[in-house]
Every structure is written in C-alpha cells, then in structure tokens.
Amino acid sequence: MFGKTLKTVPTEAEAVNHKLLLKGGFIDQLSAGIYSFLPLGWWVHRNIENIIREEMNAIGGQEVFLPTLQPKSLWQETDRWDHIDPPLFKLKDQHDRDYALGSTHEEVVTDLVRQRVSSYKDLPLYLYQIQNKFRNEIRSTGGLLRVREFVMKDLYSFHTDEKDLMGYFQKVIEAYKKIFNRCGLQIAVCQASGGTIGGKETYEFHVLAPVGEDKIIFCPKCNWGANQEVGEQVECPKCHGTLEKSSSIEAGHVFALGTKYSEAMKAEFVDKNGVKKPIWMGCYGIGLGRLMATIVEVHHDEMGIIWPRSVAPYQIHLINLKTQNSNLSGDEVYEKLVRAGVEVLYDDREEVSAGEKFADADLIGIPVRLVISEKTGDKVEYKERDQKESKLLTIEEIVELLYC
C-alpha cells in the first residue's frame, strides 16, 4: 500500500483532522492549503462523492464537468473579477489574455444555459458537477477545513419563476440533510448571509465542533440554527425552544440567487405568453475535502479515526499474527472475504509487531478489525472500531454480520 502511517506530524498541524489524516497516511501536504490525497484518503473521498452523486441524481440533477480555466470577460459581466472574496487566482496566457482559476461556476454555467435555453419548455433544469475549485485564501488553516485547492459539488438550478425555484430549493435542503446523515453527521440548518455569491435567501449547514471557525445559535430540540452574523436571537422561531451558542463547521451552503446572474448576463427565456423574462436561479455547494475533515473532527478518539461505514476506505482491516503452527491462514481468510464482496485491507507485514499493527488499525479507523492468531484457532477475532469487546466468529458469520 502506498502511503504509510507516520510516527509524528508537523508542529503546525493543530486540528484533529489535520493530525490524523496526515498521520494515518490519507493525505500529504504539498504546501499551505494544498494537499495530495493518497490511496486511503482518495477511497474515502470517492465514497463521499458517490453518496453526494446518488442524492443529486435523486432530485433530477444532470452531471456535467465545467472548465477550471475561465476567461476574464465572463467575470466582468457580473462585476466579480475584482470583487469576489476571497479574490481569484489570475493568470495570463501566451497571448496576454486574462483568465482565472474557477473558485465557483455561476458565470460559466449561466453562459452555458443562456446559449441553450430559450423557452419555458426548456425549464426547470438542474446541472451539477464534482470538480476542482481554487480559493486564494489569505490564511489556510485546520487541515482540509480551509484550503486553497479542493473538490466541490456545485449544483445550479434554473426556473421560470420564484415559486418553482423555492420549491426546488426545499428539495435540495432535504437532499443535503440526507447526505450529511449518510456521512454520520448531525447538522443544524442555519440562516446566513449570501456574501459575494448573493441570494435573498441562503442557508448554511453546520456541524457542531470545537475546531469550527463559525459561531452559530442553534436549537438542540429541532436543529434549527442561524449564523451569528445574521443577528442575535434567544428563542427558536420554529419550536420556541431555548437557543444555545456553539462553534461549528460549515459543511454546505445553498443560495436562492433569484435573477442576479441571469439579468447581468442576459440569460432569458420566453414564457407561455411570448414574453421574454430572466431565468430564476439557485446554487448549492458542498466541499468534499471539508466534509471529509468534518467527519474526522466528529468521529475519532485518542487512538485515531473512527470512520462511519458509509465512507470508510475499507470495511475490514485484517491483521495476520499467524505462525506456521496455526490452523487458518491469513491469505485464506482474505481470499474468502474478497470473494464474498467485502472490501479488505490486509496487514500481512511479517517484521512488524502485533502492537504496531493494532495501533495502525486504530489510527486508520476502518470499521471492523479481524485478527488471526494462534489463540483464534479455526475462527477469527472480530472487533468493531468503536467497541471495546471482541468475539470469535467464523468467516461465514462475519460476512452475514456485514451484510445484515
């Protein structure tokens, strides 16, 4: 396996996710806010991606892939070339033409739609992508929580009127709740400011965590919340429960954009009466690396990560402590599990102590650890990462447990 566990991590790594993802061999830091995903980390990332893709497809999303390199002229149409925060990474080509590395794709997708949508019959339309973004952050902190290059799922919806936009807006909110739930996270849906993206109605999805840079007020009774930047309250407007304050991580954001971009870029359609009107729009984002980091911030203990099964890089961490006198071989167990369709990380290192193997298993955090040793006979020791107790099971019993 490429990517080994580390004994120590850089002193500047303060956030839990930063320490554990580096130490566990999930990521490598190339520069401030710039990371490589190693095989273990990329498996987690892809599992998160697949969850998001399933939920976006379920609400009618059509997947596209839009360019990272974007011409200055598009950004000038919306007056964001010099005014977006954080500022764009800008560059020139050999012909002295100006481009930016996309930090978001409202301009690009609006340009795409204005070329292809002309009638109310073409709407509504929902386009999403899972693609690299670049943010020229002044300060990159918290490991994967605040970076300069990352992968984002951004969905853009296009509608004939405000009513249709807001109906779909609520569908996306429900889809986001499912995504975070499937990733093992409890969230508070918070009223927020649109910032330089815009939108008269925007919501952030916050996960309560001490490392979080955001401050929210939330209701533990119904999970309603609001970012403190939109004002102070003492009572929840939904259930009248008492509000509490907490540090949190913003894991997603949705914007009801209205006609801000369509009016600026003349993205229009002709309605049933032959009248030309601007298209109503919404945009909806989730940063995948940030979501991965948030999962680690919530699911860990003093020994390492505890991945939820839905996103874990493997389902089984198989440790072979067998000697030549043992009944059951590690290779035999591994092959049987793989044939049964189980994803297995097999630690068959011969010159590594049992203690080191166990420590690596706890650090990496795969949901189930299996151990084969002289003590286990013709069975296997089965232990779940978040449990202290272990038990002896046959391979058949293990497979049944995993798929029940």
Protein backbone atom coordinates (compact mmCIF):
# COMPACT_ATOMS: atom_id res chain seq x y z
CA MET A 1 0.00 0.00 0.00
CA PHE A 2 1.32 3.42 -0.96
CA GLY A 3 1.15 5.84 1.94
CA LYS A 4 2.41 4.67 5.31
CA THR A 5 1.38 5.74 8.79
CA LEU A 6 3.61 8.35 10.43
CA LYS A 7 5.01 8.46 13.96
CA THR A 8 4.89 12.26 14.12
CA VAL A 9 3.20 15.09 12.25
CA PRO A 10 4.32 18.69 11.57
CA THR A 11 4.03 21.01 14.57
CA GLU A 12 1.74 23.37 12.62
CA ALA A 13 -0.89 20.61 12.42
CA GLU A 14 -3.28 21.64 15.21
CA ALA A 15 -6.74 20.48 14.07
CA VAL A 16 -7.66 16.86 14.77
CA ASN A 17 -8.40 16.09 11.13
CA HIS A 18 -5.06 17.56 10.04
CA LYS A 19 -3.10 15.44 12.50
CA LEU A 20 -4.96 12.17 11.99
CA LEU A 21 -5.26 12.33 8.19
CA LEU A 22 -1.54 13.08 7.86
CA LYS A 23 -0.52 10.51 10.47
CA GLY A 24 -2.83 7.82 9.06
CA GLY A 25 -1.44 8.17 5.53
CA PHE A 26 -4.65 9.57 3.99
CA ILE A 27 -3.19 12.87 2.72
CA ASP A 28 0.14 14.58 2.14
CA GLN A 29 0.69 18.33 2.44
CA LEU A 30 2.44 19.85 -0.58
CA SER A 31 2.17 23.47 0.55
CA ALA A 32 -0.04 25.66 2.75
CA GLY A 33 -3.64 24.73 1.91
CA ILE A 34 -2.59 22.32 -0.88
CA TYR A 35 -2.88 18.56 -0.33
CA SER A 36 -2.38 15.29 -2.19
CA PHE A 37 -4.87 12.52 -1.48
CA LEU A 38 -3.15 9.16 -1.03
CA PRO A 39 -4.96 5.86 -1.78
CA LEU A 40 -6.66 5.56 1.64
CA GLY A 41 -7.77 9.20 1.53
CA TRP A 42 -8.96 9.02 -2.05
CA TRP A 43 -11.12 5.98 -1.25
CA VAL A 44 -12.86 7.97 1.49
CA HIS A 45 -13.19 10.96 -0.85
CA ARG A 46 -14.73 8.80 -3.59
CA ASN A 47 -17.20 7.22 -1.16
CA ILE A 48 -18.36 10.70 -0.10
CA GLU A 49 -18.56 11.66 -3.77
CA ASN A 50 -20.76 8.65 -4.54
CA ILE A 51 -23.16 9.49 -1.69
CA ILE A 52 -23.48 13.05 -2.98
CA ARG A 53 -23.92 11.91 -6.59
CA GLU A 54 -26.71 9.49 -5.61
CA GLU A 55 -28.63 12.21 -3.76
CA MET A 56 -28.16 14.79 -6.55
CA ASN A 57 -29.37 12.31 -9.17
CA ALA A 58 -32.38 11.51 -6.96
CA ILE A 59 -33.61 15.13 -7.25
CA GLY A 60 -33.16 15.31 -11.00
CA GLY A 61 -29.59 16.59 -11.23
CA GLN A 62 -27.74 16.10 -14.51
CA GLU A 63 -23.97 15.80 -14.08
CA VAL A 64 -21.64 17.97 -16.14
CA PHE A 65 -17.95 18.90 -15.96
CA LEU A 66 -17.13 22.58 -16.48
CA PRO A 67 -13.75 24.23 -17.18
CA THR A 68 -11.48 25.35 -14.35
CA LEU A 69 -9.81 27.94 -16.60
CA GLN A 70 -12.29 30.81 -17.07
CA PRO A 71 -11.96 33.97 -19.21
CA LYS A 72 -11.96 37.40 -17.58
CA SER A 73 -14.82 38.57 -19.81
CA LEU A 74 -17.35 36.29 -18.08
CA TRP A 75 -16.41 37.54 -14.62
CA GLN A 76 -16.64 41.15 -15.82
CA GLU A 77 -20.27 40.59 -16.87
CA THR A 78 -21.20 40.09 -13.22
CA ASP A 79 -18.67 42.62 -11.85
CA ARG A 80 -16.93 39.90 -9.82
CA TRP A 81 -13.49 39.92 -11.48
CA ASP A 82 -12.15 42.30 -8.83
CA HIS A 83 -14.79 41.98 -6.11
CA ILE A 84 -15.22 38.31 -5.21
CA ASP A 85 -13.99 37.27 -1.75
CA PRO A 86 -11.57 35.54 -1.44
CA PRO A 87 -10.02 37.01 -4.61
CA LEU A 88 -9.45 34.94 -7.73
CA PHE A 89 -6.22 33.28 -8.77
CA LYS A 90 -5.49 35.19 -12.00
CA LEU A 91 -3.13 34.39 -14.85
CA LYS A 92 -2.32 35.32 -18.45
CA ASP A 93 -1.77 33.05 -21.45
CA GLN A 94 0.88 33.47 -24.16
CA HIS A 95 -1.39 35.90 -26.00
CA ASP A 96 -1.69 38.15 -22.93
CA ARG A 97 -5.32 37.16 -22.38
CA ASP A 98 -6.61 37.14 -18.80
CA TYR A 99 -8.03 34.05 -17.11
CA ALA A 100 -8.97 32.94 -13.61
CA LEU A 101 -8.90 29.56 -11.92
CA GLY A 102 -12.53 28.96 -11.03
CA SER A 103 -13.45 29.40 -7.37
CA THR A 104 -17.10 28.88 -8.32
CA HIS A 105 -19.01 28.43 -11.58
CA GLU A 106 -22.06 30.74 -11.64
CA GLU A 107 -20.74 32.68 -14.64
CA VAL A 108 -19.69 29.62 -16.63
CA VAL A 109 -22.91 27.68 -16.11
CA THR A 110 -25.10 30.75 -16.76
CA ASP A 111 -23.25 31.31 -20.04
CA LEU A 112 -23.79 27.66 -20.95
CA VAL A 113 -27.52 27.81 -20.20
CA ARG A 114 -28.17 31.14 -21.96
CA GLN A 115 -26.86 29.55 -25.18
CA ARG A 116 -29.16 26.53 -24.92
CA VAL A 117 -32.33 27.61 -23.10
CA SER A 118 -34.78 29.84 -24.93
CA SER A 119 -38.28 28.72 -23.91
CA TYR A 120 -40.24 27.91 -20.76
CA LYS A 121 -40.40 24.39 -22.24
CA ASP A 122 -36.66 24.03 -21.53
CA LEU A 123 -37.14 24.67 -17.81
CA PRO A 124 -36.71 23.71 -14.99
CA LEU A 125 -33.15 22.44 -15.36
CA TYR A 126 -30.71 21.16 -12.74
CA LEU A 127 -26.98 20.85 -13.53
CA TYR A 128 -24.28 19.76 -11.10
CA GLN A 129 -20.62 18.85 -11.15
CA ILE A 130 -17.95 17.44 -8.83
CA GLN A 131 -14.84 19.38 -9.73
CA ASN A 132 -11.75 21.26 -8.55
CA LYS A 133 -12.06 24.78 -7.15
CA PHE A 134 -9.38 27.32 -6.26
CA ARG A 135 -9.70 29.86 -3.44
CA ASN A 136 -6.99 32.49 -2.92
CA GLU A 137 -7.25 32.33 0.87
CA ILE A 138 -5.14 34.70 2.96
CA ARG A 139 -4.78 32.00 5.61
CA SER A 140 -5.17 28.25 5.15
CA THR A 141 -5.91 26.53 8.46
CA GLY A 142 -7.44 23.43 10.01
CA GLY A 143 -6.07 20.85 7.60
CA LEU A 144 -8.73 20.16 4.96
CA LEU A 145 -11.18 22.59 6.59
CA ARG A 146 -9.74 25.68 4.85
CA VAL A 147 -7.65 25.05 1.76
CA ARG A 148 -6.66 26.76 -1.48
CA GLU A 149 -7.47 23.91 -3.85
CA PHE A 150 -10.32 21.45 -3.27
CA VAL A 151 -13.06 19.40 -4.90
CA MET A 152 -16.59 20.75 -4.69
CA LYS A 153 -20.02 19.52 -5.63
CA ASP A 154 -21.81 22.55 -7.06
CA LEU A 155 -25.39 22.30 -8.27
CA TYR A 156 -27.14 25.04 -10.26
CA SER A 157 -30.89 25.15 -10.84
CA PHE A 158 -32.79 27.18 -13.46
CA HIS A 159 -36.50 28.05 -13.23
CA THR A 160 -39.31 30.05 -14.83
CA ASP A 161 -40.34 31.82 -11.62
CA GLU A 162 -39.65 32.29 -7.92
CA LYS A 163 -42.24 29.74 -6.82
CA ASP A 164 -40.61 26.96 -8.83
CA LEU A 165 -37.16 28.00 -7.56
CA MET A 166 -38.21 27.92 -3.91
CA GLY A 167 -39.93 24.55 -4.31
CA TYR A 168 -36.72 23.03 -5.64
CA PHE A 169 -34.67 24.94 -3.04
CA GLN A 170 -36.51 22.99 -0.31
CA LYS A 171 -35.86 19.71 -2.17
CA VAL A 172 -32.13 20.43 -2.14
CA ILE A 173 -32.21 21.23 1.58
CA GLU A 174 -33.80 17.83 2.24
CA ALA A 175 -31.25 16.13 -0.04
CA TYR A 176 -28.42 17.81 1.89
CA LYS A 177 -29.85 16.54 5.16
CA LYS A 178 -29.75 13.00 3.71
CA ILE A 179 -26.15 13.45 2.53
CA PHE A 180 -24.89 14.59 5.92
CA ASN A 181 -26.90 11.91 7.71
CA ARG A 182 -25.42 9.21 5.46
CA CYS A 183 -21.96 10.58 6.29
CA GLY A 184 -22.65 10.17 10.02
CA LEU A 185 -23.15 13.85 10.82
CA GLN A 186 -25.87 15.77 12.64
CA ILE A 187 -26.39 19.23 11.24
CA ALA A 188 -28.10 22.48 12.09
CA VAL A 189 -29.63 24.34 9.12
CA CYS A 190 -28.75 27.99 9.65
CA GLN A 191 -29.96 31.22 8.10
CA ALA A 192 -26.93 33.01 6.67
CA SER A 193 -25.60 35.84 4.54
CA GLY A 194 -25.14 35.36 0.79
CA GLY A 195 -21.75 37.12 0.78
CA THR A 196 -20.31 37.72 -2.69
CA ILE A 197 -22.33 34.82 -4.14
CA GLY A 198 -25.64 36.59 -3.45
CA GLY A 199 -29.19 35.45 -2.95
CA LYS A 200 -32.10 36.79 -0.94
CA GLU A 201 -32.47 33.51 0.95
CA THR A 202 -29.44 31.44 1.92
CA TYR A 203 -28.79 28.65 4.39
CA GLU A 204 -25.64 27.08 5.76
CA PHE A 205 -25.41 23.51 7.06
CA HIS A 206 -23.39 23.49 10.27
CA VAL A 207 -21.85 20.63 12.23
CA LEU A 208 -21.18 21.45 15.88
CA ALA A 209 -17.44 21.12 16.57
CA PRO A 210 -14.95 22.90 18.87
CA VAL A 211 -12.50 23.45 15.98
CA GLY A 212 -15.10 25.26 13.88
CA GLU A 213 -14.37 28.82 12.74
CA ASP A 214 -18.06 29.75 12.64
CA LYS A 215 -20.28 30.74 15.56
CA ILE A 216 -23.94 29.79 15.45
CA ILE A 217 -27.01 29.92 17.63
CA PHE A 218 -28.98 26.69 17.39
CA CYS A 219 -31.91 24.83 18.89
CA PRO A 220 -30.98 21.35 20.18
CA LYS A 221 -34.67 20.47 20.12
CA CYS A 222 -35.36 20.88 16.38
CA ASN A 223 -31.87 21.52 14.89
CA TRP A 224 -32.84 24.99 13.64
CA GLY A 225 -29.99 27.49 13.70
CA ALA A 226 -28.65 30.81 12.48
CA ASN A 227 -25.17 32.10 11.84
CA GLN A 228 -24.45 34.81 14.39
CA GLU A 229 -23.60 37.21 11.58
CA VAL A 230 -27.30 37.44 10.69
CA GLY A 231 -28.33 38.58 14.15
CA GLU A 232 -28.91 37.55 17.74
CA GLN A 233 -31.98 35.67 19.00
CA VAL A 234 -32.84 33.93 22.25
CA GLU A 235 -35.81 31.80 21.16
CA CYS A 236 -36.18 29.39 18.24
CA PRO A 237 -38.81 30.69 15.77
CA LYS A 238 -39.77 27.13 14.77
CA CYS A 239 -40.43 25.44 18.12
CA HIS A 240 -39.85 28.27 20.65
CA GLY A 241 -37.08 26.22 22.28
CA THR A 242 -34.17 27.90 24.06
CA LEU A 243 -31.24 28.62 21.75
CA GLU A 244 -27.63 27.75 22.52
CA LYS A 245 -24.35 29.08 21.10
CA SER A 246 -21.66 26.85 19.63
CA SER A 247 -18.57 26.77 17.45
CA SER A 248 -19.31 24.92 14.24
CA ILE A 249 -18.01 23.86 10.85
CA GLU A 250 -19.92 24.96 7.77
CA ALA A 251 -20.32 21.79 5.69
CA GLY A 252 -22.63 23.08 2.95
CA HIS A 253 -24.35 26.20 1.63
CA VAL A 254 -27.42 26.84 -0.54
CA PHE A 255 -28.37 30.11 -2.24
CA ALA A 256 -31.68 31.19 -3.79
CA LEU A 257 -29.98 33.52 -6.29
CA GLY A 258 -33.11 34.85 -7.95
CA THR A 259 -32.27 36.70 -11.18
CA LYS A 260 -28.94 38.25 -10.10
CA TYR A 261 -26.80 36.40 -12.65
CA SER A 262 -29.40 35.93 -15.37
CA GLU A 263 -30.11 39.68 -15.51
CA ALA A 264 -26.41 40.58 -15.52
CA MET A 265 -25.65 38.03 -18.25
CA LYS A 266 -28.97 38.24 -20.14
CA ALA A 267 -29.90 34.59 -19.61
CA GLU A 268 -33.57 34.73 -20.66
CA PHE A 269 -36.46 32.56 -21.76
CA VAL A 270 -39.79 33.20 -23.49
CA ASP A 271 -42.84 32.35 -21.36
CA LYS A 272 -46.20 30.89 -22.45
CA ASN A 273 -47.40 34.34 -23.48
CA GLY A 274 -44.38 35.07 -25.63
CA VAL A 275 -42.83 37.46 -23.10
CA LYS A 276 -39.05 37.37 -22.59
CA LYS A 277 -38.04 37.04 -18.93
CA PRO A 278 -34.85 36.41 -16.91
CA ILE A 279 -34.29 32.85 -15.66
CA TRP A 280 -34.57 32.32 -11.91
CA MET A 281 -31.55 30.54 -10.41
CA GLY A 282 -30.29 28.73 -7.32
CA CYS A 283 -26.85 27.37 -6.46
CA TYR A 284 -25.90 24.76 -3.90
CA GLY A 285 -22.40 23.71 -2.75
CA ILE A 286 -20.61 21.08 -0.67
CA GLY A 287 -16.81 20.89 -0.34
CA LEU A 288 -15.83 17.22 -0.31
CA GLY A 289 -12.46 17.58 1.44
CA ARG A 290 -14.02 19.79 4.09
CA LEU A 291 -16.79 17.23 4.59
CA MET A 292 -14.16 14.50 4.97
CA ALA A 293 -12.31 16.61 7.55
CA THR A 294 -15.56 17.32 9.40
CA ILE A 295 -16.30 13.60 9.67
CA VAL A 296 -12.87 13.09 11.29
CA GLU A 297 -13.43 16.01 13.69
CA VAL A 298 -16.65 14.32 14.89
CA HIS A 299 -15.67 10.63 14.65
CA HIS A 300 -12.38 10.00 16.45
CA ASP A 301 -10.92 9.08 19.82
CA GLU A 302 -7.47 9.37 21.40
CA MET A 303 -6.19 6.47 19.26
CA GLY A 304 -7.32 7.64 15.84
CA ILE A 305 -10.16 7.95 13.36
CA ILE A 306 -13.46 6.03 13.61
CA TRP A 307 -14.89 6.08 10.07
CA PRO A 308 -18.64 5.59 9.58
CA ARG A 309 -19.16 2.51 7.40
CA SER A 310 -20.67 4.59 4.60
CA VAL A 311 -17.43 6.45 3.87
CA ALA A 312 -14.70 4.13 5.23
CA PRO A 313 -11.87 3.27 2.80
CA TYR A 314 -12.39 -0.43 3.56
CA GLN A 315 -14.94 -2.36 5.61
CA ILE A 316 -12.43 -4.80 7.16
CA HIS A 317 -8.88 -4.38 8.49
CA LEU A 318 -7.46 -7.91 8.55
CA ILE A 319 -4.40 -8.46 10.75
CA ASN A 320 -2.39 -11.65 10.41
CA LEU A 321 -0.45 -12.73 13.53
CA LYS A 322 -0.27 -16.38 12.48
CA THR A 323 2.68 -18.69 12.92
CA GLN A 324 3.43 -21.84 10.92
CA ASN A 325 1.65 -23.93 13.57
CA SER A 326 -1.73 -22.17 13.09
CA ASN A 327 -4.85 -23.72 11.60
CA LEU A 328 -6.18 -20.88 9.45
CA SER A 329 -4.02 -18.84 7.06
CA GLY A 330 -4.41 -15.10 6.60
CA ASP A 331 -4.35 -15.48 2.82
CA GLU A 332 -7.23 -17.95 3.01
CA VAL A 333 -9.36 -15.57 5.11
CA TYR A 334 -8.51 -12.64 2.83
CA GLU A 335 -9.47 -14.54 -0.33
CA LYS A 336 -12.75 -15.75 1.15
CA LEU A 337 -13.74 -12.23 2.22
CA VAL A 338 -12.85 -10.75 -1.16
CA ARG A 339 -14.85 -13.46 -2.96
CA ALA A 340 -17.81 -12.53 -0.72
CA GLY A 341 -17.55 -8.94 -1.98
CA VAL A 342 -16.03 -7.47 1.20
CA GLU A 343 -13.52 -4.60 0.90
CA VAL A 344 -10.47 -5.69 2.92
CA LEU A 345 -7.21 -4.00 3.90
CA TYR A 346 -4.87 -6.90 4.66
CA ASP A 347 -1.93 -6.29 7.01
CA ASP A 348 0.38 -9.20 6.24
CA ARG A 349 3.63 -7.45 7.25
CA GLU A 350 6.00 -10.01 8.76
CA GLU A 351 8.55 -7.84 10.55
CA VAL A 352 6.09 -5.60 12.41
CA SER A 353 4.97 -6.25 15.98
CA ALA A 354 1.39 -7.04 16.94
CA GLY A 355 1.24 -3.83 18.97
CA GLU A 356 2.26 -1.72 15.98
CA LYS A 357 -0.30 -3.43 13.77
CA PHE A 358 -3.06 -2.81 16.32
CA ALA A 359 -2.00 0.84 16.73
CA ASP A 360 -2.11 1.36 12.95
CA ALA A 361 -5.56 -0.25 12.79
CA ASP A 362 -6.89 2.11 15.47
CA LEU A 363 -5.29 5.12 13.76
CA ILE A 364 -6.64 4.31 10.29
CA GLY A 365 -10.09 3.67 11.75
CA ILE A 366 -11.62 1.05 9.46
CA PRO A 367 -14.97 -0.07 10.98
CA VAL A 368 -14.08 -3.73 11.72
CA ARG A 369 -10.76 -5.29 12.76
CA LEU A 370 -10.18 -9.02 12.24
CA VAL A 371 -7.25 -10.80 13.86
CA ILE A 372 -5.90 -14.25 13.06
CA SER A 373 -3.52 -15.70 15.66
CA GLU A 374 -2.66 -18.95 17.43
CA LYS A 375 -5.35 -18.13 20.00
CA THR A 376 -8.17 -17.88 17.46
CA GLY A 377 -7.91 -21.48 16.19
CA ASP A 378 -10.17 -22.03 13.18
CA LYS A 379 -12.08 -18.80 13.86
CA VAL A 380 -11.26 -15.08 13.61
CA GLU A 381 -11.29 -12.40 16.29
CA TYR A 382 -13.89 -9.78 15.34
CA LYS A 383 -13.84 -6.28 16.86
CA GLU A 384 -15.65 -3.12 15.81
CA ARG A 385 -13.54 0.04 15.92
CA ASP A 386 -15.92 1.90 18.25
CA GLN A 387 -16.34 -1.05 20.64
CA LYS A 388 -14.00 -2.45 23.33
CA GLU A 389 -15.22 -6.05 23.28
CA SER A 390 -14.17 -8.62 20.68
CA LYS A 391 -15.58 -12.06 19.80
CA LEU A 392 -14.56 -15.18 17.88
CA LEU A 393 -16.53 -15.80 14.68
CA THR A 394 -16.35 -17.91 11.55
CA ILE A 395 -15.84 -16.18 8.22
CA GLU A 396 -19.44 -17.01 7.28
CA GLU A 397 -20.72 -15.34 10.44
CA ILE A 398 -18.59 -12.26 9.72
CA VAL A 399 -19.94 -11.92 6.18
CA GLU A 400 -23.51 -12.29 7.48
CA LEU A 401 -22.86 -9.57 10.10
CA LEU A 402 -21.51 -7.18 7.47
CA TYR A 403 -24.47 -7.59 5.13
CA CYS A 404 -27.32 -7.84 7.64
